[in-house]
Amino acid sequence: MTVSWQWFSYVLLGFILGGCAVYLWGFIKEKAIKLVWYEWVLVLLSFVVFLFLGQTFIASFGEGQPQAAWMSVVFMGIPIVIMAVGASRSIKSRLAN
């Protein structure tokens, strides 16, 4: 029986993202931050696209295609950063007022 370590990367990614989601939820509740519906959409969409990016990156390396893995980081990472920055700036602008 051969052991594939690819499952471990998915489990590790799940634990890291789950911990980040729990921390973010606790931070929002602690600071009593009220999010508008489109901020929830941006945060959740960037989270889902990040999950897809992680799976694509791991699977591309598993298939022996490192160039495709790094290109997926570039082309999916840029929209993730744009969505996350847009949501964070929107939230910060409302908190400053």
PDB file of N, CA and C in Angstrom:
ATOM      1  N   MET A   1       0.842  -1.183   0.000  1.00  0.00           N
ATOM      2  CA  MET A   1       0.000   0.000   0.000  1.00  0.00           C
ATOM      3  C   MET A   1       0.882   1.239   0.000  1.00  0.00           C
ATOM      4  N   THR A   2       0.688   2.101  -0.963  1.00  0.00           N
ATOM      5  CA  THR A   2       1.467   3.333  -1.027  1.00  0.00           C
ATOM      6  C   THR A   2       0.713   4.447  -0.313  1.00  0.00           C
ATOM      7  N   VAL A   3       1.484   5.288   0.323  1.00  0.00           N
ATOM      8  CA  VAL A   3       0.893   6.408   1.064  1.00  0.00           C
ATOM      9  C   VAL A   3       1.033   7.667   0.221  1.00  0.00           C
ATOM     10  N   SER A   4      -0.079   8.326  -0.017  1.00  0.00           N
ATOM     11  CA  SER A   4      -0.062   9.579  -0.750  1.00  0.00           C
ATOM     12  C   SER A   4      -0.138  10.727   0.248  1.00  0.00           C
ATOM     13  N   TRP A   5       0.796  11.629   0.165  1.00  0.00           N
ATOM     14  CA  TRP A   5       0.823  12.767   1.077  1.00  0.00           C
ATOM     15  C   TRP A   5      -0.008  13.929   0.554  1.00  0.00           C
ATOM     16  N   GLN A   6      -0.629  13.742  -0.589  1.00  0.00           N
ATOM     17  CA  GLN A   6      -1.453  14.811  -1.137  1.00  0.00           C
ATOM     18  C   GLN A   6      -2.647  15.088  -0.232  1.00  0.00           C
ATOM     19  N   TRP A   7      -3.231  14.069   0.372  1.00  0.00           N
ATOM     20  CA  TRP A   7      -4.368  14.268   1.272  1.00  0.00           C
ATOM     21  C   TRP A   7      -3.971  15.124   2.462  1.00  0.00           C
ATOM     22  N   PHE A   8      -2.700  14.980   2.904  1.00  0.00           N
ATOM     23  CA  PHE A   8      -2.234  15.753   4.059  1.00  0.00           C
ATOM     24  C   PHE A   8      -2.229  17.244   3.739  1.00  0.00           C
ATOM     25  N   SER A   9      -1.876  17.603   2.516  1.00  0.00           N
ATOM     26  CA  SER A   9      -1.870  19.022   2.145  1.00  0.00           C
ATOM     27  C   SER A   9      -3.287  19.586   2.163  1.00  0.00           C
ATOM     28  N   TYR A  10      -4.283  18.778   1.758  1.00  0.00           N
ATOM     29  CA  TYR A  10      -5.672  19.238   1.822  1.00  0.00           C
ATOM     30  C   TYR A  10      -6.132  19.405   3.268  1.00  0.00           C
ATOM     31  N   VAL A  11      -5.752  18.467   4.120  1.00  0.00           N
ATOM     32  CA  VAL A  11      -6.132  18.554   5.534  1.00  0.00           C
ATOM     33  C   VAL A  11      -5.463  19.764   6.181  1.00  0.00           C
ATOM     34  N   LEU A  12      -4.187  19.963   5.908  1.00  0.00           N
ATOM     35  CA  LEU A  12      -3.466  21.100   6.455  1.00  0.00           C
ATOM     36  C   LEU A  12      -4.073  22.414   5.975  1.00  0.00           C
ATOM     37  N   LEU A  13      -4.384  22.502   4.698  1.00  0.00           N
ATOM     38  CA  LEU A  13      -5.022  23.699   4.150  1.00  0.00           C
ATOM     39  C   LEU A  13      -6.381  23.940   4.807  1.00  0.00           C
ATOM     40  N   GLY A  14      -7.135  22.865   5.031  1.00  0.00           N
ATOM     41  CA  GLY A  14      -8.431  22.994   5.693  1.00  0.00           C
ATOM     42  C   GLY A  14      -8.307  23.493   7.120  1.00  0.00           C
ATOM     43  N   PHE A  15      -7.322  22.977   7.864  1.00  0.00           N
ATOM     44  CA  PHE A  15      -7.117  23.428   9.237  1.00  0.00           C
ATOM     45  C   PHE A  15      -6.691  24.893   9.281  1.00  0.00           C
ATOM     46  N   ILE A  16      -5.811  25.283   8.401  1.00  0.00           N
ATOM     47  CA  ILE A  16      -5.341  26.674   8.381  1.00  0.00           C
ATOM     48  C   ILE A  16      -6.491  27.620   8.031  1.00  0.00           C
ATOM     49  N   LEU A  17      -7.229  27.296   6.989  1.00  0.00           N
ATOM     50  CA  LEU A  17      -8.335  28.166   6.579  1.00  0.00           C
ATOM     51  C   LEU A  17      -9.469  28.149   7.599  1.00  0.00           C
ATOM     52  N   GLY A  18      -9.729  27.005   8.199  1.00  0.00           N
ATOM     53  CA  GLY A  18     -10.742  26.942   9.244  1.00  0.00           C
ATOM     54  C   GLY A  18     -10.356  27.777  10.450  1.00  0.00           C
ATOM     55  N   GLY A  19      -9.084  27.706  10.840  1.00  0.00           N
ATOM     56  CA  GLY A  19      -8.609  28.534  11.950  1.00  0.00           C
ATOM     57  C   GLY A  19      -8.701  30.011  11.642  1.00  0.00           C
ATOM     58  N   CYS A  20      -8.356  30.377  10.408  1.00  0.00           N
ATOM     59  CA  CYS A  20      -8.465  31.787  10.008  1.00  0.00           C
ATOM     60  C   CYS A  20      -9.926  32.251  10.007  1.00  0.00           C
ATOM     61  N   ALA A  21     -10.833  31.391   9.550  1.00  0.00           N
ATOM     62  CA  ALA A  21     -12.250  31.758   9.531  1.00  0.00           C
ATOM     63  C   ALA A  21     -12.795  31.927  10.954  1.00  0.00           C
ATOM     64  N   VAL A  22     -12.394  31.040  11.864  1.00  0.00           N
ATOM     65  CA  VAL A  22     -12.845  31.151  13.254  1.00  0.00           C
ATOM     66  C   VAL A  22     -12.282  32.415  13.891  1.00  0.00           C
ATOM     67  N   TYR A  23     -11.013  32.716  13.636  1.00  0.00           N
ATOM     68  CA  TYR A  23     -10.408  33.931  14.179  1.00  0.00           C
ATOM     69  C   TYR A  23     -11.109  35.173  13.631  1.00  0.00           C
ATOM     70  N   LEU A  24     -11.385  35.186  12.328  1.00  0.00           N
ATOM     71  CA  LEU A  24     -12.058  36.330  11.718  1.00  0.00           C
ATOM     72  C   LEU A  24     -13.457  36.506  12.291  1.00  0.00           C
ATOM     73  N   TRP A  25     -14.188  35.409  12.459  1.00  0.00           N
ATOM     74  CA  TRP A  25     -15.531  35.480  13.036  1.00  0.00           C
ATOM     75  C   TRP A  25     -15.478  36.027  14.460  1.00  0.00           C
ATOM     76  N   GLY A  26     -14.526  35.548  15.257  1.00  0.00           N
ATOM     77  CA  GLY A  26     -14.377  36.040  16.626  1.00  0.00           C
ATOM     78  C   GLY A  26     -14.002  37.509  16.670  1.00  0.00           C
ATOM     79  N   PHE A  27     -13.138  37.931  15.759  1.00  0.00           N
ATOM     80  CA  PHE A  27     -12.730  39.328  15.690  1.00  0.00           C
ATOM     81  C   PHE A  27     -13.913  40.222  15.338  1.00  0.00           C
ATOM     82  N   ILE A  28     -14.733  39.781  14.376  1.00  0.00           N
ATOM     83  CA  ILE A  28     -15.908  40.561  13.984  1.00  0.00           C
ATOM     84  C   ILE A  28     -16.885  40.672  15.143  1.00  0.00           C
ATOM     85  N   LYS A  29     -17.103  39.575  15.859  1.00  0.00           N
ATOM     86  CA  LYS A  29     -18.026  39.599  17.001  1.00  0.00           C
ATOM     87  C   LYS A  29     -17.471  40.433  18.153  1.00  0.00           C
ATOM     88  N   GLU A  30     -16.167  40.330  18.417  1.00  0.00           N
ATOM     89  CA  GLU A  30     -15.545  41.065  19.527  1.00  0.00           C
ATOM     90  C   GLU A  30     -15.600  42.566  19.310  1.00  0.00           C
ATOM     91  N   LYS A  31     -15.330  43.003  18.103  1.00  0.00           N
ATOM     92  CA  LYS A  31     -15.324  44.431  17.784  1.00  0.00           C
ATOM     93  C   LYS A  31     -16.706  44.962  17.412  1.00  0.00           C
ATOM     94  N   ALA A  32     -17.709  44.091  17.374  1.00  0.00           N
ATOM     95  CA  ALA A  32     -19.090  44.441  17.013  1.00  0.00           C
ATOM     96  C   ALA A  32     -19.147  45.141  15.656  1.00  0.00           C
ATOM     97  N   ILE A  33     -18.489  44.548  14.679  1.00  0.00           N
ATOM     98  CA  ILE A  33     -18.463  45.093  13.325  1.00  0.00           C
ATOM     99  C   ILE A  33     -19.673  44.581  12.568  1.00  0.00           C
ATOM    100  N   LYS A  34     -20.408  45.487  11.976  1.00  0.00           N
ATOM    101  CA  LYS A  34     -21.565  45.126  11.156  1.00  0.00           C
ATOM    102  C   LYS A  34     -21.145  45.167   9.693  1.00  0.00           C
ATOM    103  N   LEU A  35     -21.303  44.043   9.013  1.00  0.00           N
ATOM    104  CA  LEU A  35     -20.930  43.969   7.606  1.00  0.00           C
ATOM    105  C   LEU A  35     -22.153  44.121   6.720  1.00  0.00           C
ATOM    106  N   VAL A  36     -21.984  44.843   5.633  1.00  0.00           N
ATOM    107  CA  VAL A  36     -23.029  45.014   4.623  1.00  0.00           C
ATOM    108  C   VAL A  36     -23.039  43.740   3.768  1.00  0.00           C
ATOM    109  N   TRP A  37     -24.146  43.480   3.091  1.00  0.00           N
ATOM    110  CA  TRP A  37     -24.296  42.219   2.363  1.00  0.00           C
ATOM    111  C   TRP A  37     -23.194  42.014   1.324  1.00  0.00           C
ATOM    112  N   TYR A  38     -22.809  43.078   0.606  1.00  0.00           N
ATOM    113  CA  TYR A  38     -21.796  42.896  -0.437  1.00  0.00           C
ATOM    114  C   TYR A  38     -20.413  42.638   0.150  1.00  0.00           C
ATOM    115  N   GLU A  39     -20.173  43.063   1.391  1.00  0.00           N
ATOM    116  CA  GLU A  39     -18.904  42.727   2.036  1.00  0.00           C
ATOM    117  C   GLU A  39     -18.860  41.249   2.393  1.00  0.00           C
ATOM    118  N   TRP A  40     -19.996  40.710   2.837  1.00  0.00           N
ATOM    119  CA  TRP A  40     -20.073  39.263   3.076  1.00  0.00           C
ATOM    120  C   TRP A  40     -19.818  38.506   1.777  1.00  0.00           C
ATOM    121  N   VAL A  41     -20.414  38.970   0.690  1.00  0.00           N
ATOM    122  CA  VAL A  41     -20.244  38.305  -0.601  1.00  0.00           C
ATOM    123  C   VAL A  41     -18.777  38.341  -1.023  1.00  0.00           C
ATOM    124  N   LEU A  42     -18.119  39.508  -0.900  1.00  0.00           N
ATOM    125  CA  LEU A  42     -16.707  39.609  -1.272  1.00  0.00           C
ATOM    126  C   LEU A  42     -15.821  38.712  -0.425  1.00  0.00           C
ATOM    127  N   VAL A  43     -16.079  38.681   0.878  1.00  0.00           N
ATOM    128  CA  VAL A  43     -15.264  37.850   1.769  1.00  0.00           C
ATOM    129  C   VAL A  43     -15.470  36.371   1.453  1.00  0.00           C
ATOM    130  N   LEU A  44     -16.712  35.948   1.316  1.00  0.00           N
ATOM    131  CA  LEU A  44     -16.981  34.540   1.025  1.00  0.00           C
ATOM    132  C   LEU A  44     -16.486  34.131  -0.356  1.00  0.00           C
ATOM    133  N   LEU A  45     -16.647  35.000  -1.330  1.00  0.00           N
ATOM    134  CA  LEU A  45     -16.174  34.694  -2.677  1.00  0.00           C
ATOM    135  C   LEU A  45     -14.654  34.591  -2.717  1.00  0.00           C
ATOM    136  N   SER A  46     -13.968  35.485  -2.045  1.00  0.00           N
ATOM    137  CA  SER A  46     -12.507  35.393  -2.017  1.00  0.00           C
ATOM    138  C   SER A  46     -12.072  34.134  -1.273  1.00  0.00           C
ATOM    139  N   PHE A  47     -12.807  33.732  -0.226  1.00  0.00           N
ATOM    140  CA  PHE A  47     -12.498  32.501   0.503  1.00  0.00           C
ATOM    141  C   PHE A  47     -12.671  31.274  -0.396  1.00  0.00           C
ATOM    142  N   VAL A  48     -13.769  31.222  -1.149  1.00  0.00           N
ATOM    143  CA  VAL A  48     -14.031  30.085  -2.033  1.00  0.00           C
ATOM    144  C   VAL A  48     -13.009  30.031  -3.163  1.00  0.00           C
ATOM    145  N   VAL A  49     -12.689  31.164  -3.747  1.00  0.00           N
ATOM    146  CA  VAL A  49     -11.699  31.193  -4.819  1.00  0.00           C
ATOM    147  C   VAL A  49     -10.322  30.804  -4.274  1.00  0.00           C
ATOM    148  N   PHE A  50     -10.014  31.188  -3.028  1.00  0.00           N
ATOM    149  CA  PHE A  50      -8.752  30.779  -2.417  1.00  0.00           C
ATOM    150  C   PHE A  50      -8.704  29.271  -2.223  1.00  0.00           C
ATOM    151  N   LEU A  51      -9.829  28.671  -1.817  1.00  0.00           N
ATOM    152  CA  LEU A  51      -9.890  27.213  -1.697  1.00  0.00           C
ATOM    153  C   LEU A  51      -9.658  26.550  -3.056  1.00  0.00           C
ATOM    154  N   PHE A  52     -10.298  27.084  -4.094  1.00  0.00           N
ATOM    155  CA  PHE A  52     -10.114  26.552  -5.441  1.00  0.00           C
ATOM    156  C   PHE A  52      -8.667  26.712  -5.895  1.00  0.00           C
ATOM    157  N   LEU A  53      -8.066  27.842  -5.560  1.00  0.00           N
ATOM    158  CA  LEU A  53      -6.664  28.072  -5.899  1.00  0.00           C
ATOM    159  C   LEU A  53      -5.772  27.047  -5.219  1.00  0.00           C
ATOM    160  N   GLY A  54      -6.020  26.790  -3.944  1.00  0.00           N
ATOM    161  CA  GLY A  54      -5.212  25.800  -3.227  1.00  0.00           C
ATOM    162  C   GLY A  54      -5.335  24.423  -3.839  1.00  0.00           C
ATOM    163  N   GLN A  55      -6.541  24.020  -4.196  1.00  0.00           N
ATOM    164  CA  GLN A  55      -6.748  22.708  -4.797  1.00  0.00           C
ATOM    165  C   GLN A  55      -6.081  22.633  -6.160  1.00  0.00           C
ATOM    166  N   THR A  56      -6.199  23.666  -6.958  1.00  0.00           N
ATOM    167  CA  THR A  56      -5.580  23.684  -8.278  1.00  0.00           C
ATOM    168  C   THR A  56      -4.064  23.640  -8.175  1.00  0.00           C
ATOM    169  N   PHE A  57      -3.510  24.390  -7.228  1.00  0.00           N
ATOM    170  CA  PHE A  57      -2.064  24.418  -7.035  1.00  0.00           C
ATOM    171  C   PHE A  57      -1.541  23.036  -6.637  1.00  0.00           C
ATOM    172  N   ILE A  58      -2.192  22.419  -5.674  1.00  0.00           N
ATOM    173  CA  ILE A  58      -1.756  21.107  -5.197  1.00  0.00           C
ATOM    174  C   ILE A  58      -1.918  20.048  -6.282  1.00  0.00           C
ATOM    175  N   ALA A  59      -3.040  20.081  -6.990  1.00  0.00           N
ATOM    176  CA  ALA A  59      -3.290  19.083  -8.026  1.00  0.00           C
ATOM    177  C   ALA A  59      -2.328  19.248  -9.204  1.00  0.00           C
ATOM    178  N   SER A  60      -2.002  20.476  -9.558  1.00  0.00           N
ATOM    179  CA  SER A  60      -1.072  20.694 -10.670  1.00  0.00           C
ATOM    180  C   SER A  60       0.313  20.174 -10.334  1.00  0.00           C
ATOM    181  N   PHE A  61       0.764  20.399  -9.109  1.00  0.00           N
ATOM    182  CA  PHE A  61       2.053  19.839  -8.709  1.00  0.00           C
ATOM    183  C   PHE A  61       1.982  18.319  -8.653  1.00  0.00           C
ATOM    184  N   GLY A  62       0.834  17.781  -8.230  1.00  0.00           N
ATOM    185  CA  GLY A  62       0.667  16.334  -8.177  1.00  0.00           C
ATOM    186  C   GLY A  62       0.716  15.689  -9.548  1.00  0.00           C
ATOM    187  N   GLU A  63       0.303  16.409 -10.563  1.00  0.00           N
ATOM    188  CA  GLU A  63       0.350  15.906 -11.930  1.00  0.00           C
ATOM    189  C   GLU A  63       1.668  16.196 -12.622  1.00  0.00           C
ATOM    190  N   GLY A  64       2.582  16.814 -11.911  1.00  0.00           N
ATOM    191  CA  GLY A  64       3.890  17.098 -12.492  1.00  0.00           C
ATOM    192  C   GLY A  64       3.906  18.307 -13.404  1.00  0.00           C
ATOM    193  N   GLN A  65       3.060  19.266 -13.132  1.00  0.00           N
ATOM    194  CA  GLN A  65       2.981  20.484 -13.941  1.00  0.00           C
ATOM    195  C   GLN A  65       3.246  21.709 -13.074  1.00  0.00           C
ATOM    196  N   PRO A  66       4.488  21.950 -12.674  1.00  0.00           N
ATOM    197  CA  PRO A  66       4.756  23.084 -11.784  1.00  0.00           C
ATOM    198  C   PRO A  66       4.489  24.441 -12.433  1.00  0.00           C
ATOM    199  N   GLN A  67       4.692  24.551 -13.742  1.00  0.00           N
ATOM    200  CA  GLN A  67       4.433  25.831 -14.396  1.00  0.00           C
ATOM    201  C   GLN A  67       2.949  26.164 -14.355  1.00  0.00           C
ATOM    202  N   ALA A  68       2.099  25.172 -14.574  1.00  0.00           N
ATOM    203  CA  ALA A  68       0.659  25.400 -14.489  1.00  0.00           C
ATOM    204  C   ALA A  68       0.248  25.765 -13.062  1.00  0.00           C
ATOM    205  N   ALA A  69       0.907  25.155 -12.081  1.00  0.00           N
ATOM    206  CA  ALA A  69       0.590  25.472 -10.682  1.00  0.00           C
ATOM    207  C   ALA A  69       0.904  26.926 -10.377  1.00  0.00           C
ATOM    208  N   TRP A  70       2.056  27.380 -10.781  1.00  0.00           N
ATOM    209  CA  TRP A  70       2.434  28.772 -10.484  1.00  0.00           C
ATOM    210  C   TRP A  70       1.637  29.765 -11.310  1.00  0.00           C
ATOM    211  N   MET A  71       1.253  29.398 -12.527  1.00  0.00           N
ATOM    212  CA  MET A  71       0.409  30.291 -13.324  1.00  0.00           C
ATOM    213  C   MET A  71      -0.984  30.416 -12.709  1.00  0.00           C
ATOM    214  N   SER A  72      -1.479  29.324 -12.127  1.00  0.00           N
ATOM    215  CA  SER A  72      -2.780  29.420 -11.458  1.00  0.00           C
ATOM    216  C   SER A  72      -2.701  30.327 -10.240  1.00  0.00           C
ATOM    217  N   VAL A  73      -1.561  30.325  -9.553  1.00  0.00           N
ATOM    218  CA  VAL A  73      -1.382  31.243  -8.422  1.00  0.00           C
ATOM    219  C   VAL A  73      -1.429  32.683  -8.907  1.00  0.00           C
ATOM    220  N   VAL A  74      -0.798  32.949 -10.017  1.00  0.00           N
ATOM    221  CA  VAL A  74      -0.782  34.316 -10.544  1.00  0.00           C
ATOM    222  C   VAL A  74      -2.171  34.747 -10.989  1.00  0.00           C
ATOM    223  N   PHE A  75      -2.825  33.923 -11.814  1.00  0.00           N
ATOM    224  CA  PHE A  75      -4.085  34.351 -12.423  1.00  0.00           C
ATOM    225  C   PHE A  75      -5.289  34.227 -11.507  1.00  0.00           C
ATOM    226  N   MET A  76      -5.212  33.386 -10.476  1.00  0.00           N
ATOM    227  CA  MET A  76      -6.309  33.338  -9.510  1.00  0.00           C
ATOM    228  C   MET A  76      -5.979  34.140  -8.263  1.00  0.00           C
ATOM    229  N   GLY A  77      -4.705  34.354  -7.997  1.00  0.00           N
ATOM    230  CA  GLY A  77      -4.311  35.111  -6.818  1.00  0.00           C
ATOM    231  C   GLY A  77      -4.604  36.594  -6.933  1.00  0.00           C
ATOM    232  N   ILE A  78      -4.477  37.129  -8.128  1.00  0.00           N
ATOM    233  CA  ILE A  78      -4.735  38.559  -8.335  1.00  0.00           C
ATOM    234  C   ILE A  78      -6.198  38.918  -8.037  1.00  0.00           C
ATOM    235  N   PRO A  79      -7.199  38.170  -8.565  1.00  0.00           N
ATOM    236  CA  PRO A  79      -8.583  38.491  -8.196  1.00  0.00           C
ATOM    237  C   PRO A  79      -8.869  38.298  -6.704  1.00  0.00           C
ATOM    238  N   ILE A  80      -8.217  37.317  -6.084  1.00  0.00           N
ATOM    239  CA  ILE A  80      -8.409  37.122  -4.646  1.00  0.00           C
ATOM    240  C   ILE A  80      -7.923  38.346  -3.887  1.00  0.00           C
ATOM    241  N   VAL A  81      -6.769  38.831  -4.233  1.00  0.00           N
ATOM    242  CA  VAL A  81      -6.212  40.009  -3.561  1.00  0.00           C
ATOM    243  C   VAL A  81      -7.100  41.225  -3.807  1.00  0.00           C
ATOM    244  N   ILE A  82      -7.586  41.399  -5.022  1.00  0.00           N
ATOM    245  CA  ILE A  82      -8.448  42.536  -5.336  1.00  0.00           C
ATOM    246  C   ILE A  82      -9.741  42.477  -4.516  1.00  0.00           C
ATOM    247  N   MET A  83     -10.359  41.289  -4.432  1.00  0.00           N
ATOM    248  CA  MET A  83     -11.602  41.165  -3.656  1.00  0.00           C
ATOM    249  C   MET A  83     -11.348  41.388  -2.170  1.00  0.00           C
ATOM    250  N   ALA A  84     -10.271  40.828  -1.649  1.00  0.00           N
ATOM    251  CA  ALA A  84      -9.982  40.966  -0.223  1.00  0.00           C
ATOM    252  C   ALA A  84      -9.640  42.409   0.140  1.00  0.00           C
ATOM    253  N   VAL A  85      -8.866  43.082  -0.694  1.00  0.00           N
ATOM    254  CA  VAL A  85      -8.529  44.478  -0.433  1.00  0.00           C
ATOM    255  C   VAL A  85      -9.775  45.354  -0.547  1.00  0.00           C
ATOM    256  N   GLY A  86     -10.618  45.080  -1.533  1.00  0.00           N
ATOM    257  CA  GLY A  86     -11.853  45.847  -1.672  1.00  0.00           C
ATOM    258  C   GLY A  86     -12.756  45.707  -0.458  1.00  0.00           C
ATOM    259  N   ALA A  87     -12.891  44.494   0.032  1.00  0.00           N
ATOM    260  CA  ALA A  87     -13.726  44.276   1.221  1.00  0.00           C
ATOM    261  C   ALA A  87     -13.121  44.937   2.447  1.00  0.00           C
ATOM    262  N   SER A  88     -11.814  44.786   2.631  1.00  0.00           N
ATOM    263  CA  SER A  88     -11.185  45.363   3.823  1.00  0.00           C
ATOM    264  C   SER A  88     -11.212  46.888   3.795  1.00  0.00           C
ATOM    265  N   ARG A  89     -11.014  47.495   2.636  1.00  0.00           N
ATOM    266  CA  ARG A  89     -11.069  48.953   2.551  1.00  0.00           C
ATOM    267  C   ARG A  89     -12.480  49.466   2.776  1.00  0.00           C
ATOM    268  N   SER A  90     -13.474  48.728   2.309  1.00  0.00           N
ATOM    269  CA  SER A  90     -14.861  49.118   2.525  1.00  0.00           C
ATOM    270  C   SER A  90     -15.198  49.063   4.017  1.00  0.00           C
ATOM    271  N   ILE A  91     -14.752  48.013   4.677  1.00  0.00           N
ATOM    272  CA  ILE A  91     -15.012  47.867   6.102  1.00  0.00           C
ATOM    273  C   ILE A  91     -14.274  48.944   6.907  1.00  0.00           C
ATOM    274  N   LYS A  92     -13.007  49.175   6.567  1.00  0.00           N
ATOM    275  CA  LYS A  92     -12.222  50.196   7.278  1.00  0.00           C
ATOM    276  C   LYS A  92     -12.780  51.595   7.076  1.00  0.00           C
ATOM    277  N   SER A  93     -13.295  51.885   5.896  1.00  0.00           N
ATOM    278  CA  SER A  93     -13.833  53.231   5.649  1.00  0.00           C
ATOM    279  C   SER A  93     -15.089  53.472   6.492  1.00  0.00           C
ATOM    280  N   ARG A  94     -15.908  52.449   6.689  1.00  0.00           N
ATOM    281  CA  ARG A  94     -17.103  52.607   7.524  1.00  0.00           C
ATOM    282  C   ARG A  94     -16.742  52.667   9.000  1.00  0.00           C
ATOM    283  N   LEU A  95     -15.681  51.977   9.418  1.00  0.00           N
ATOM    284  CA  LEU A  95     -15.287  51.996  10.820  1.00  0.00           C
ATOM    285  C   LEU A  95     -14.641  53.334  11.211  1.00  0.00           C
ATOM    286  N   ALA A  96     -14.017  54.003  10.230  1.00  0.00           N
ATOM    287  CA  ALA A  96     -13.348  55.267  10.508  1.00  0.00           C
ATOM    288  C   ALA A  96     -14.372  56.373  10.768  1.00  0.00           C
ATOM    289  N   ASN A  97     -15.559  56.234  10.213  1.00  0.00           N
ATOM    290  CA  ASN A  97     -16.582  57.285  10.386  1.00  0.00           C
ATOM    291  C   ASN A  97     -17.267  57.198  11.717  1.00  0.00           C
TER     292      ASN A  97
END
